[in-house]
mmCIF file of all heavy atoms, coordinates in Angstrom:
data_MODEL
# 
_entry.id   MODEL 
# 
loop_
_atom_site.group_PDB 
_atom_site.id 
_atom_site.type_symbol 
_atom_site.label_atom_id 
_atom_site.label_alt_id 
_atom_site.label_comp_id 
_atom_site.label_asym_id 
_atom_site.label_entity_id 
_atom_site.label_seq_id 
_atom_site.pdbx_PDB_ins_code 
_atom_site.Cartn_x 
_atom_site.Cartn_y 
_atom_site.Cartn_z 
_atom_site.occupancy 
_atom_site.B_iso_or_equiv 
_atom_site.pdbx_formal_charge 
_atom_site.auth_seq_id 
_atom_site.auth_comp_id 
_atom_site.auth_asym_id 
_atom_site.auth_atom_id 
_atom_site.pdbx_PDB_model_num 
ATOM 1   N N   . GLY A 1 1  ? 13.929 -8.606  1.353   1.00 0.00 ? 1  GLY A N   1 
ATOM 2   C CA  . GLY A 1 1  ? 14.869 -8.796  0.258   1.00 0.00 ? 1  GLY A CA  1 
ATOM 3   C C   . GLY A 1 1  ? 16.255 -8.250  0.527   1.00 0.00 ? 1  GLY A C   1 
ATOM 4   O O   . GLY A 1 1  ? 17.086 -8.216  -0.388  1.00 0.00 ? 1  GLY A O   1 
ATOM 5   N N   . TYR A 1 2  ? 16.531 -7.849  1.765   1.00 0.00 ? 2  TYR A N   1 
ATOM 6   C CA  . TYR A 1 2  ? 17.844 -7.297  2.070   1.00 0.00 ? 2  TYR A CA  1 
ATOM 7   C C   . TYR A 1 2  ? 18.941 -8.359  2.132   1.00 0.00 ? 2  TYR A C   1 
ATOM 8   O O   . TYR A 1 2  ? 20.110 -8.070  1.899   1.00 0.00 ? 2  TYR A O   1 
ATOM 9   C CB  . TYR A 1 2  ? 17.811 -6.543  3.405   1.00 0.00 ? 2  TYR A CB  1 
ATOM 10  C CG  . TYR A 1 2  ? 17.254 -5.141  3.316   1.00 0.00 ? 2  TYR A CG  1 
ATOM 11  C CD1 . TYR A 1 2  ? 16.158 -4.843  2.503   1.00 0.00 ? 2  TYR A CD1 1 
ATOM 12  C CD2 . TYR A 1 2  ? 17.810 -4.113  4.059   1.00 0.00 ? 2  TYR A CD2 1 
ATOM 13  C CE1 . TYR A 1 2  ? 15.641 -3.568  2.437   1.00 0.00 ? 2  TYR A CE1 1 
ATOM 14  C CE2 . TYR A 1 2  ? 17.296 -2.820  3.996   1.00 0.00 ? 2  TYR A CE2 1 
ATOM 15  C CZ  . TYR A 1 2  ? 16.213 -2.558  3.179   1.00 0.00 ? 2  TYR A CZ  1 
ATOM 16  O OH  . TYR A 1 2  ? 15.716 -1.278  3.102   1.00 0.00 ? 2  TYR A OH  1 
ATOM 17  N N   . ALA A 1 3  ? 18.571 -9.577  2.449   1.00 0.00 ? 3  ALA A N   1 
ATOM 18  C CA  . ALA A 1 3  ? 19.568 -10.638 2.609   1.00 0.00 ? 3  ALA A CA  1 
ATOM 19  C C   . ALA A 1 3  ? 19.975 -11.217 1.262   1.00 0.00 ? 3  ALA A C   1 
ATOM 20  O O   . ALA A 1 3  ? 19.192 -11.219 0.295   1.00 0.00 ? 3  ALA A O   1 
ATOM 21  C CB  . ALA A 1 3  ? 19.020 -11.752 3.507   1.00 0.00 ? 3  ALA A CB  1 
ATOM 22  N N   . MET A 1 4  ? 21.189 -11.715 1.190   1.00 0.00 ? 4  MET A N   1 
ATOM 23  C CA  . MET A 1 4  ? 21.687 -12.366 -0.011  1.00 0.00 ? 4  MET A CA  1 
ATOM 24  C C   . MET A 1 4  ? 20.815 -13.568 -0.368  1.00 0.00 ? 4  MET A C   1 
ATOM 25  O O   . MET A 1 4  ? 20.446 -14.363 0.502   1.00 0.00 ? 4  MET A O   1 
ATOM 26  C CB  . MET A 1 4  ? 23.138 -12.825 0.224   1.00 0.00 ? 4  MET A CB  1 
ATOM 27  C CG  . MET A 1 4  ? 23.731 -13.653 -0.881  1.00 0.00 ? 4  MET A CG  1 
ATOM 28  S SD  . MET A 1 4  ? 24.002 -12.658 -2.376  1.00 0.00 ? 4  MET A SD  1 
ATOM 29  C CE  . MET A 1 4  ? 24.788 -13.855 -3.446  1.00 0.00 ? 4  MET A CE  1 
ATOM 30  N N   . ASN A 1 5  ? 20.465 -13.708 -1.635  1.00 0.00 ? 5  ASN A N   1 
ATOM 31  C CA  . ASN A 1 5  ? 19.694 -14.857 -2.108  1.00 0.00 ? 5  ASN A CA  1 
ATOM 32  C C   . ASN A 1 5  ? 20.605 -15.724 -2.954  1.00 0.00 ? 5  ASN A C   1 
ATOM 33  O O   . ASN A 1 5  ? 21.069 -15.297 -4.020  1.00 0.00 ? 5  ASN A O   1 
ATOM 34  C CB  . ASN A 1 5  ? 18.482 -14.385 -2.917  1.00 0.00 ? 5  ASN A CB  1 
ATOM 35  C CG  . ASN A 1 5  ? 17.593 -15.510 -3.372  1.00 0.00 ? 5  ASN A CG  1 
ATOM 36  O OD1 . ASN A 1 5  ? 17.919 -16.234 -4.310  1.00 0.00 ? 5  ASN A OD1 1 
ATOM 37  N ND2 . ASN A 1 5  ? 16.457 -15.676 -2.712  1.00 0.00 ? 5  ASN A ND2 1 
ATOM 38  N N   . GLU A 1 6  ? 20.862 -16.940 -2.500  1.00 0.00 ? 6  GLU A N   1 
ATOM 39  C CA  . GLU A 1 6  ? 21.826 -17.800 -3.178  1.00 0.00 ? 6  GLU A CA  1 
ATOM 40  C C   . GLU A 1 6  ? 21.363 -18.193 -4.572  1.00 0.00 ? 6  GLU A C   1 
ATOM 41  O O   . GLU A 1 6  ? 22.155 -18.295 -5.509  1.00 0.00 ? 6  GLU A O   1 
ATOM 42  C CB  . GLU A 1 6  ? 22.090 -19.056 -2.331  1.00 0.00 ? 6  GLU A CB  1 
ATOM 43  C CG  . GLU A 1 6  ? 22.746 -18.775 -0.997  1.00 0.00 ? 6  GLU A CG  1 
ATOM 44  C CD  . GLU A 1 6  ? 24.116 -18.138 -1.140  1.00 0.00 ? 6  GLU A CD  1 
ATOM 45  O OE1 . GLU A 1 6  ? 24.779 -18.381 -2.182  1.00 0.00 ? 6  GLU A OE1 1 
ATOM 46  O OE2 . GLU A 1 6  ? 24.520 -17.383 -0.242  1.00 0.00 ? 6  GLU A OE2 1 
ATOM 47  N N   . GLU A 1 7  ? 20.067 -18.392 -4.739  1.00 0.00 ? 7  GLU A N   1 
ATOM 48  C CA  . GLU A 1 7  ? 19.563 -18.802 -6.060  1.00 0.00 ? 7  GLU A CA  1 
ATOM 49  C C   . GLU A 1 7  ? 19.703 -17.678 -7.078  1.00 0.00 ? 7  GLU A C   1 
ATOM 50  O O   . GLU A 1 7  ? 20.078 -17.903 -8.228  1.00 0.00 ? 7  GLU A O   1 
ATOM 51  C CB  . GLU A 1 7  ? 18.109 -19.246 -5.948  1.00 0.00 ? 7  GLU A CB  1 
ATOM 52  C CG  . GLU A 1 7  ? 17.551 -19.814 -7.248  1.00 0.00 ? 7  GLU A CG  1 
ATOM 53  C CD  . GLU A 1 7  ? 16.175 -20.418 -7.072  1.00 0.00 ? 7  GLU A CD  1 
ATOM 54  O OE1 . GLU A 1 7  ? 15.789 -20.728 -5.928  1.00 0.00 ? 7  GLU A OE1 1 
ATOM 55  O OE2 . GLU A 1 7  ? 15.479 -20.577 -8.085  1.00 0.00 ? 7  GLU A OE2 1 
ATOM 56  N N   . LEU A 1 8  ? 19.418 -16.453 -6.642  1.00 0.00 ? 8  LEU A N   1 
ATOM 57  C CA  . LEU A 1 8  ? 19.562 -15.309 -7.546  1.00 0.00 ? 8  LEU A CA  1 
ATOM 58  C C   . LEU A 1 8  ? 21.021 -14.919 -7.741  1.00 0.00 ? 8  LEU A C   1 
ATOM 59  O O   . LEU A 1 8  ? 21.407 -14.421 -8.800  1.00 0.00 ? 8  LEU A O   1 
ATOM 60  C CB  . LEU A 1 8  ? 18.796 -14.100 -6.993  1.00 0.00 ? 8  LEU A CB  1 
ATOM 61  C CG  . LEU A 1 8  ? 17.272 -14.146 -7.009  1.00 0.00 ? 8  LEU A CG  1 
ATOM 62  C CD1 . LEU A 1 8  ? 16.716 -12.905 -6.320  1.00 0.00 ? 8  LEU A CD1 1 
ATOM 63  C CD2 . LEU A 1 8  ? 16.740 -14.233 -8.438  1.00 0.00 ? 8  LEU A CD2 1 
ATOM 64  N N   . GLY A 1 9  ? 21.808 -15.101 -6.693  1.00 0.00 ? 9  GLY A N   1 
ATOM 65  C CA  . GLY A 1 9  ? 23.192 -14.664 -6.728  1.00 0.00 ? 9  GLY A CA  1 
ATOM 66  C C   . GLY A 1 9  ? 23.375 -13.226 -6.293  1.00 0.00 ? 9  GLY A C   1 
ATOM 67  O O   . GLY A 1 9  ? 24.465 -12.660 -6.416  1.00 0.00 ? 9  GLY A O   1 
ATOM 68  N N   . PHE A 1 10 ? 22.318 -12.607 -5.797  1.00 0.00 ? 10 PHE A N   1 
ATOM 69  C CA  . PHE A 1 10 ? 22.369 -11.243 -5.280  1.00 0.00 ? 10 PHE A CA  1 
ATOM 70  C C   . PHE A 1 10 ? 21.210 -11.045 -4.316  1.00 0.00 ? 10 PHE A C   1 
ATOM 71  O O   . PHE A 1 10 ? 20.257 -11.846 -4.291  1.00 0.00 ? 10 PHE A O   1 
ATOM 72  C CB  . PHE A 1 10 ? 22.318 -10.209 -6.410  1.00 0.00 ? 10 PHE A CB  1 
ATOM 73  C CG  . PHE A 1 10 ? 21.094 -10.297 -7.284  1.00 0.00 ? 10 PHE A CG  1 
ATOM 74  C CD1 . PHE A 1 10 ? 19.929 -9.599  -6.969  1.00 0.00 ? 10 PHE A CD1 1 
ATOM 75  C CD2 . PHE A 1 10 ? 21.098 -11.065 -8.451  1.00 0.00 ? 10 PHE A CD2 1 
ATOM 76  C CE1 . PHE A 1 10 ? 18.802 -9.664  -7.778  1.00 0.00 ? 10 PHE A CE1 1 
ATOM 77  C CE2 . PHE A 1 10 ? 19.985 -11.136 -9.274  1.00 0.00 ? 10 PHE A CE2 1 
ATOM 78  C CZ  . PHE A 1 10 ? 18.832 -10.441 -8.931  1.00 0.00 ? 10 PHE A CZ  1 
ATOM 79  N N   . ALA A 1 11 ? 21.277 -9.993  -3.525  1.00 0.00 ? 11 ALA A N   1 
ATOM 80  C CA  . ALA A 1 11 ? 20.162 -9.648  -2.650  1.00 0.00 ? 11 ALA A CA  1 
ATOM 81  C C   . ALA A 1 11 ? 19.040 -9.039  -3.487  1.00 0.00 ? 11 ALA A C   1 
ATOM 82  O O   . ALA A 1 11 ? 19.292 -8.132  -4.294  1.00 0.00 ? 11 ALA A O   1 
ATOM 83  C CB  . ALA A 1 11 ? 20.611 -8.661  -1.577  1.00 0.00 ? 11 ALA A CB  1 
ATOM 84  N N   . PRO A 1 12 ? 17.800 -9.499  -3.356  1.00 0.00 ? 12 PRO A N   1 
ATOM 85  C CA  . PRO A 1 12 ? 16.699 -8.903  -4.133  1.00 0.00 ? 12 PRO A CA  1 
ATOM 86  C C   . PRO A 1 12 ? 16.617 -7.382  -3.996  1.00 0.00 ? 12 PRO A C   1 
ATOM 87  O O   . PRO A 1 12 ? 16.104 -6.717  -4.896  1.00 0.00 ? 12 PRO A O   1 
ATOM 88  C CB  . PRO A 1 12 ? 15.458 -9.581  -3.539  1.00 0.00 ? 12 PRO A CB  1 
ATOM 89  C CG  . PRO A 1 12 ? 15.961 -10.912 -3.081  1.00 0.00 ? 12 PRO A CG  1 
ATOM 90  C CD  . PRO A 1 12 ? 17.344 -10.646 -2.551  1.00 0.00 ? 12 PRO A CD  1 
ATOM 91  N N   . PHE A 1 13 ? 17.125 -6.845  -2.914  1.00 0.00 ? 13 PHE A N   1 
ATOM 92  C CA  . PHE A 1 13 ? 17.204 -5.400  -2.705  1.00 0.00 ? 13 PHE A CA  1 
ATOM 93  C C   . PHE A 1 13 ? 17.712 -4.675  -3.948  1.00 0.00 ? 13 PHE A C   1 
ATOM 94  O O   . PHE A 1 13 ? 17.210 -3.610  -4.317  1.00 0.00 ? 13 PHE A O   1 
ATOM 95  C CB  . PHE A 1 13 ? 18.140 -5.134  -1.512  1.00 0.00 ? 13 PHE A CB  1 
ATOM 96  C CG  . PHE A 1 13 ? 18.480 -3.694  -1.283  1.00 0.00 ? 13 PHE A CG  1 
ATOM 97  C CD1 . PHE A 1 13 ? 17.689 -2.898  -0.464  1.00 0.00 ? 13 PHE A CD1 1 
ATOM 98  C CD2 . PHE A 1 13 ? 19.611 -3.127  -1.868  1.00 0.00 ? 13 PHE A CD2 1 
ATOM 99  C CE1 . PHE A 1 13 ? 18.016 -1.570  -0.250  1.00 0.00 ? 13 PHE A CE1 1 
ATOM 100 C CE2 . PHE A 1 13 ? 19.939 -1.794  -1.649  1.00 0.00 ? 13 PHE A CE2 1 
ATOM 101 C CZ  . PHE A 1 13 ? 19.132 -1.013  -0.844  1.00 0.00 ? 13 PHE A CZ  1 
ATOM 102 N N   . GLU A 1 14 ? 18.710 -5.252  -4.613  1.00 0.00 ? 14 GLU A N   1 
ATOM 103 C CA  . GLU A 1 14 ? 19.348 -4.606  -5.758  1.00 0.00 ? 14 GLU A CA  1 
ATOM 104 C C   . GLU A 1 14 ? 18.378 -4.403  -6.922  1.00 0.00 ? 14 GLU A C   1 
ATOM 105 O O   . GLU A 1 14 ? 18.572 -3.505  -7.747  1.00 0.00 ? 14 GLU A O   1 
ATOM 106 C CB  . GLU A 1 14 ? 20.543 -5.435  -6.239  1.00 0.00 ? 14 GLU A CB  1 
ATOM 107 C CG  . GLU A 1 14 ? 21.660 -5.575  -5.225  1.00 0.00 ? 14 GLU A CG  1 
ATOM 108 C CD  . GLU A 1 14 ? 22.789 -6.439  -5.742  1.00 0.00 ? 14 GLU A CD  1 
ATOM 109 O OE1 . GLU A 1 14 ? 22.899 -6.612  -6.976  1.00 0.00 ? 14 GLU A OE1 1 
ATOM 110 O OE2 . GLU A 1 14 ? 23.560 -6.946  -4.918  1.00 0.00 ? 14 GLU A OE2 1 
ATOM 111 N N   . HIS A 1 15 ? 17.357 -5.233  -7.002  1.00 0.00 ? 15 HIS A N   1 
ATOM 112 C CA  . HIS A 1 15 ? 16.390 -5.150  -8.096  1.00 0.00 ? 15 HIS A CA  1 
ATOM 113 C C   . HIS A 1 15 ? 15.529 -3.887  -7.993  1.00 0.00 ? 15 HIS A C   1 
ATOM 114 O O   . HIS A 1 15 ? 15.028 -3.397  -9.007  1.00 0.00 ? 15 HIS A O   1 
ATOM 115 C CB  . HIS A 1 15 ? 15.501 -6.392  -8.075  1.00 0.00 ? 15 HIS A CB  1 
ATOM 116 C CG  . HIS A 1 15 ? 14.363 -6.368  -9.045  1.00 0.00 ? 15 HIS A CG  1 
ATOM 117 N ND1 . HIS A 1 15 ? 14.531 -6.537  -10.406 1.00 0.00 ? 15 HIS A ND1 1 
ATOM 118 C CD2 . HIS A 1 15 ? 13.029 -6.183  -8.852  1.00 0.00 ? 15 HIS A CD2 1 
ATOM 119 C CE1 . HIS A 1 15 ? 13.358 -6.479  -11.003 1.00 0.00 ? 15 HIS A CE1 1 
ATOM 120 N NE2 . HIS A 1 15 ? 12.431 -6.259  -10.090 1.00 0.00 ? 15 HIS A NE2 1 
ATOM 121 N N   . TYR A 1 16 ? 15.357 -3.393  -6.771  1.00 0.00 ? 16 TYR A N   1 
ATOM 122 C CA  . TYR A 1 16 ? 14.479 -2.255  -6.532  1.00 0.00 ? 16 TYR A CA  1 
ATOM 123 C C   . TYR A 1 16 ? 15.234 -0.943  -6.311  1.00 0.00 ? 16 TYR A C   1 
ATOM 124 O O   . TYR A 1 16 ? 14.753 0.120   -6.702  1.00 0.00 ? 16 TYR A O   1 
ATOM 125 C CB  . TYR A 1 16 ? 13.617 -2.503  -5.283  1.00 0.00 ? 16 TYR A CB  1 
ATOM 126 C CG  . TYR A 1 16 ? 12.828 -3.782  -5.301  1.00 0.00 ? 16 TYR A CG  1 
ATOM 127 C CD1 . TYR A 1 16 ? 13.370 -4.972  -4.811  1.00 0.00 ? 16 TYR A CD1 1 
ATOM 128 C CD2 . TYR A 1 16 ? 11.523 -3.824  -5.800  1.00 0.00 ? 16 TYR A CD2 1 
ATOM 129 C CE1 . TYR A 1 16 ? 12.648 -6.152  -4.817  1.00 0.00 ? 16 TYR A CE1 1 
ATOM 130 C CE2 . TYR A 1 16 ? 10.788 -5.004  -5.807  1.00 0.00 ? 16 TYR A CE2 1 
ATOM 131 C CZ  . TYR A 1 16 ? 11.367 -6.169  -5.309  1.00 0.00 ? 16 TYR A CZ  1 
ATOM 132 O OH  . TYR A 1 16 ? 10.643 -7.334  -5.324  1.00 0.00 ? 16 TYR A OH  1 
ATOM 133 N N   . ALA A 1 17 ? 16.390 -1.020  -5.674  1.00 0.00 ? 17 ALA A N   1 
ATOM 134 C CA  . ALA A 1 17 ? 17.048 0.157   -5.119  1.00 0.00 ? 17 ALA A CA  1 
ATOM 135 C C   . ALA A 1 17 ? 18.055 0.777   -6.084  1.00 0.00 ? 17 ALA A C   1 
ATOM 136 O O   . ALA A 1 17 ? 18.426 0.188   -7.100  1.00 0.00 ? 17 ALA A O   1 
ATOM 137 C CB  . ALA A 1 17 ? 17.737 -0.207  -3.808  1.00 0.00 ? 17 ALA A CB  1 
ATOM 138 N N   . ASP A 1 18 ? 18.490 1.968   -5.725  1.00 0.00 ? 18 ASP A N   1 
ATOM 139 C CA  . ASP A 1 18 ? 19.559 2.664   -6.434  1.00 0.00 ? 18 ASP A CA  1 
ATOM 140 C C   . ASP A 1 18 ? 20.649 2.993   -5.423  1.00 0.00 ? 18 ASP A C   1 
ATOM 141 O O   . ASP A 1 18 ? 20.350 3.380   -4.292  1.00 0.00 ? 18 ASP A O   1 
ATOM 142 C CB  . ASP A 1 18 ? 19.015 3.955   -7.056  1.00 0.00 ? 18 ASP A CB  1 
ATOM 143 C CG  . ASP A 1 18 ? 20.072 4.688   -7.865  1.00 0.00 ? 18 ASP A CG  1 
ATOM 144 O OD1 . ASP A 1 18 ? 20.268 4.328   -9.046  1.00 0.00 ? 18 ASP A OD1 1 
ATOM 145 O OD2 . ASP A 1 18 ? 20.710 5.607   -7.311  1.00 0.00 ? 18 ASP A OD2 1 
ATOM 146 N N   . PRO A 1 19 ? 21.924 2.846   -5.806  1.00 0.00 ? 19 PRO A N   1 
ATOM 147 C CA  . PRO A 1 19 ? 23.002 3.102   -4.850  1.00 0.00 ? 19 PRO A CA  1 
ATOM 148 C C   . PRO A 1 19 ? 23.103 4.557   -4.397  1.00 0.00 ? 19 PRO A C   1 
ATOM 149 O O   . PRO A 1 19 ? 23.644 4.835   -3.330  1.00 0.00 ? 19 PRO A O   1 
ATOM 150 C CB  . PRO A 1 19 ? 24.263 2.688   -5.627  1.00 0.00 ? 19 PRO A CB  1 
ATOM 151 C CG  . PRO A 1 19 ? 23.793 1.775   -6.686  1.00 0.00 ? 19 PRO A CG  1 
ATOM 152 C CD  . PRO A 1 19 ? 22.430 2.285   -7.060  1.00 0.00 ? 19 PRO A CD  1 
ATOM 153 N N   . VAL A 1 20 ? 22.605 5.482   -5.197  1.00 0.00 ? 20 VAL A N   1 
ATOM 154 C CA  . VAL A 1 20 ? 22.762 6.902   -4.902  1.00 0.00 ? 20 VAL A CA  1 
ATOM 155 C C   . VAL A 1 20 ? 21.478 7.521   -4.355  1.00 0.00 ? 20 VAL A C   1 
ATOM 156 O O   . VAL A 1 20 ? 21.493 8.247   -3.366  1.00 0.00 ? 20 VAL A O   1 
ATOM 157 C CB  . VAL A 1 20 ? 23.219 7.670   -6.164  1.00 0.00 ? 20 VAL A CB  1 
ATOM 158 C CG1 . VAL A 1 20 ? 23.256 9.170   -5.918  1.00 0.00 ? 20 VAL A CG1 1 
ATOM 159 C CG2 . VAL A 1 20 ? 24.586 7.161   -6.617  1.00 0.00 ? 20 VAL A CG2 1 
ATOM 160 N N   . TRP A 1 21 ? 20.367 7.234   -4.987  1.00 0.00 ? 21 TRP A N   1 
ATOM 161 C CA  . TRP A 1 21 ? 19.098 7.867   -4.657  1.00 0.00 ? 21 TRP A CA  1 
ATOM 162 C C   . TRP A 1 21 ? 18.258 6.991   -3.730  1.00 0.00 ? 21 TRP A C   1 
ATOM 163 O O   . TRP A 1 21 ? 18.215 5.777   -3.877  1.00 0.00 ? 21 TRP A O   1 
ATOM 164 C CB  . TRP A 1 21 ? 18.297 8.139   -5.923  1.00 0.00 ? 21 TRP A CB  1 
ATOM 165 C CG  . TRP A 1 21 ? 18.769 9.303   -6.728  1.00 0.00 ? 21 TRP A CG  1 
ATOM 166 C CD1 . TRP A 1 21 ? 19.842 9.353   -7.572  1.00 0.00 ? 21 TRP A CD1 1 
ATOM 167 C CD2 . TRP A 1 21 ? 18.164 10.589  -6.794  1.00 0.00 ? 21 TRP A CD2 1 
ATOM 168 N NE1 . TRP A 1 21 ? 19.954 10.579  -8.159  1.00 0.00 ? 21 TRP A NE1 1 
ATOM 169 C CE2 . TRP A 1 21 ? 18.920 11.375  -7.694  1.00 0.00 ? 21 TRP A CE2 1 
ATOM 170 C CE3 . TRP A 1 21 ? 17.056 11.165  -6.178  1.00 0.00 ? 21 TRP A CE3 1 
ATOM 171 C CZ2 . TRP A 1 21 ? 18.604 12.692  -7.998  1.00 0.00 ? 21 TRP A CZ2 1 
ATOM 172 C CZ3 . TRP A 1 21 ? 16.732 12.471  -6.484  1.00 0.00 ? 21 TRP A CZ3 1 
ATOM 173 C CH2 . TRP A 1 21 ? 17.500 13.230  -7.385  1.00 0.00 ? 21 TRP A CH2 1 
ATOM 174 N N   . ASP A 1 22 ? 17.531 7.636   -2.819  1.00 0.00 ? 22 ASP A N   1 
ATOM 175 C CA  . ASP A 1 22 ? 16.560 6.962   -1.959  1.00 0.00 ? 22 ASP A CA  1 
ATOM 176 C C   . ASP A 1 22 ? 15.291 6.677   -2.757  1.00 0.00 ? 22 ASP A C   1 
ATOM 177 O O   . ASP A 1 22 ? 14.777 7.547   -3.471  1.00 0.00 ? 22 ASP A O   1 
ATOM 178 C CB  . ASP A 1 22 ? 16.240 7.859   -0.767  1.00 0.00 ? 22 ASP A CB  1 
ATOM 179 C CG  . ASP A 1 22 ? 15.096 7.334   0.068   1.00 0.00 ? 22 ASP A CG  1 
ATOM 180 O OD1 . ASP A 1 22 ? 15.269 6.282   0.701   1.00 0.00 ? 22 ASP A OD1 1 
ATOM 181 O OD2 . ASP A 1 22 ? 14.029 7.981   0.071   1.00 0.00 ? 22 ASP A OD2 1 
ATOM 182 N N   . ASN A 1 23 ? 14.769 5.450   -2.637  1.00 0.00 ? 23 ASN A N   1 
ATOM 183 C CA  . ASN A 1 23 ? 13.584 5.073   -3.406  1.00 0.00 ? 23 ASN A CA  1 
ATOM 184 C C   . ASN A 1 23 ? 12.384 5.955   -3.108  1.00 0.00 ? 23 ASN A C   1 
ATOM 185 O O   . ASN A 1 23 ? 11.655 6.359   -4.033  1.00 0.00 ? 23 ASN A O   1 
ATOM 186 C CB  . ASN A 1 23 ? 13.193 3.617   -3.132  1.00 0.00 ? 23 ASN A CB  1 
ATOM 187 C CG  . ASN A 1 23 ? 13.890 2.643   -4.039  1.00 0.00 ? 23 ASN A CG  1 
ATOM 188 O OD1 . ASN A 1 23 ? 15.021 2.253   -3.773  1.00 0.00 ? 23 ASN A OD1 1 
ATOM 189 N ND2 . ASN A 1 23 ? 13.234 2.257   -5.116  1.00 0.00 ? 23 ASN A ND2 1 
ATOM 190 N N   . VAL A 1 24 ? 12.136 6.233   -1.847  1.00 0.00 ? 24 VAL A N   1 
ATOM 191 C CA  . VAL A 1 24 ? 10.973 7.042   -1.504  1.00 0.00 ? 24 VAL A CA  1 
ATOM 192 C C   . VAL A 1 24 ? 11.102 8.427   -2.137  1.00 0.00 ? 24 VAL A C   1 
ATOM 193 O O   . VAL A 1 24 ? 10.139 8.975   -2.676  1.00 0.00 ? 24 VAL A O   1 
ATOM 194 C CB  . VAL A 1 24 ? 10.796 7.149   0.021   1.00 0.00 ? 24 VAL A CB  1 
ATOM 195 C CG1 . VAL A 1 24 ? 9.658  8.111   0.362   1.00 0.00 ? 24 VAL A CG1 1 
ATOM 196 C CG2 . VAL A 1 24 ? 10.519 5.774   0.620   1.00 0.00 ? 24 VAL A CG2 1 
ATOM 197 N N   . ARG A 1 25 ? 12.291 8.973   -2.079  1.00 0.00 ? 25 ARG A N   1 
ATOM 198 C CA  . ARG A 1 25 ? 12.531 10.285  -2.692  1.00 0.00 ? 25 ARG A CA  1 
ATOM 199 C C   . ARG A 1 25 ? 12.240 10.230  -4.199  1.00 0.00 ? 25 ARG A C   1 
ATOM 200 O O   . ARG A 1 25 ? 11.550 11.100  -4.743  1.00 0.00 ? 25 ARG A O   1 
ATOM 201 C CB  . ARG A 1 25 ? 13.987 10.704  -2.448  1.00 0.00 ? 25 ARG A CB  1 
ATOM 202 C CG  . ARG A 1 25 ? 14.387 12.009  -3.113  1.00 0.00 ? 25 ARG A CG  1 
ATOM 203 C CD  . ARG A 1 25 ? 13.702 13.188  -2.508  1.00 0.00 ? 25 ARG A CD  1 
ATOM 204 N NE  . ARG A 1 25 ? 14.169 14.443  -3.118  1.00 0.00 ? 25 ARG A NE  1 
ATOM 205 C CZ  . ARG A 1 25 ? 13.402 15.507  -3.284  1.00 0.00 ? 25 ARG A CZ  1 
ATOM 206 N NH1 . ARG A 1 25 ? 12.144 15.494  -2.891  1.00 0.00 ? 25 ARG A NH1 1 
ATOM 207 N NH2 . ARG A 1 25 ? 13.893 16.599  -3.817  1.00 0.00 ? 25 ARG A NH2 1 
ATOM 208 N N   . MET A 1 26 ? 12.780 9.206   -4.868  1.00 0.00 ? 26 MET A N   1 
ATOM 209 C CA  . MET A 1 26 ? 12.525 9.081   -6.305  1.00 0.00 ? 26 MET A CA  1 
ATOM 210 C C   . MET A 1 26 ? 11.049 8.880   -6.592  1.00 0.00 ? 26 MET A C   1 
ATOM 211 O O   . MET A 1 26 ? 10.498 9.472   -7.530  1.00 0.00 ? 26 MET A O   1 
ATOM 212 C CB  . MET A 1 26 ? 13.351 7.929   -6.884  1.00 0.00 ? 26 MET A CB  1 
ATOM 213 C CG  . MET A 1 26 ? 14.829 8.198   -6.944  1.00 0.00 ? 26 MET A CG  1 
ATOM 214 S SD  . MET A 1 26 ? 15.721 7.015   -7.987  1.00 0.00 ? 26 MET A SD  1 
ATOM 215 C CE  . MET A 1 26 ? 15.523 5.508   -7.049  1.00 0.00 ? 26 MET A CE  1 
ATOM 216 N N   . ASN A 1 27 ? 10.378 8.039   -5.795  1.00 0.00 ? 27 ASN A N   1 
ATOM 217 C CA  . ASN A 1 27 ? 8.949  7.801   -6.001  1.00 0.00 ? 27 ASN A CA  1 
ATOM 218 C C   . ASN A 1 27 ? 8.153  9.090   -5.839  1.00 0.00 ? 27 ASN A C   1 
ATOM 219 O O   . ASN A 1 27 ? 7.233  9.376   -6.620  1.00 0.00 ? 27 ASN A O   1 
ATOM 220 C CB  . ASN A 1 27 ? 8.433  6.752   -5.022  1.00 0.00 ? 27 ASN A CB  1 
ATOM 221 C CG  . ASN A 1 27 ? 8.890  5.339   -5.315  1.00 0.00 ? 27 ASN A CG  1 
ATOM 222 O OD1 . ASN A 1 27 ? 8.842  4.468   -4.450  1.00 0.00 ? 27 ASN A OD1 1 
ATOM 223 N ND2 . ASN A 1 27 ? 9.357  5.080   -6.532  1.00 0.00 ? 27 ASN A ND2 1 
ATOM 224 N N   . ASN A 1 28 ? 8.482  9.881   -4.823  1.00 0.00 ? 28 ASN A N   1 
ATOM 225 C CA  . ASN A 1 28 ? 7.760  11.136  -4.614  1.00 0.00 ? 28 ASN A CA  1 
ATOM 226 C C   . ASN A 1 28 ? 7.919  12.084  -5.791  1.00 0.00 ? 28 ASN A C   1 
ATOM 227 O O   . ASN A 1 28 ? 6.959  12.751  -6.215  1.00 0.00 ? 28 ASN A O   1 
ATOM 228 C CB  . ASN A 1 28 ? 8.255  11.828  -3.344  1.00 0.00 ? 28 ASN A CB  1 
ATOM 229 C CG  . ASN A 1 28 ? 7.824  11.156  -2.049  1.00 0.00 ? 28 ASN A CG  1 
ATOM 230 O OD1 . ASN A 1 28 ? 8.314  11.513  -0.984  1.00 0.00 ? 28 ASN A OD1 1 
ATOM 231 N ND2 . ASN A 1 28 ? 6.942  10.182  -2.112  1.00 0.00 ? 28 ASN A ND2 1 
# 
C-alpha cells in the first residue's frame, strides 16, 4: 500500500499510518 492508488486518490499507507508515530511502537 505504499504506492499511490489512483482510484483512492492517495496511497493506502495513509489509512494505516501516522506521520509522527511508528505503527509498531503505537501497537506495542
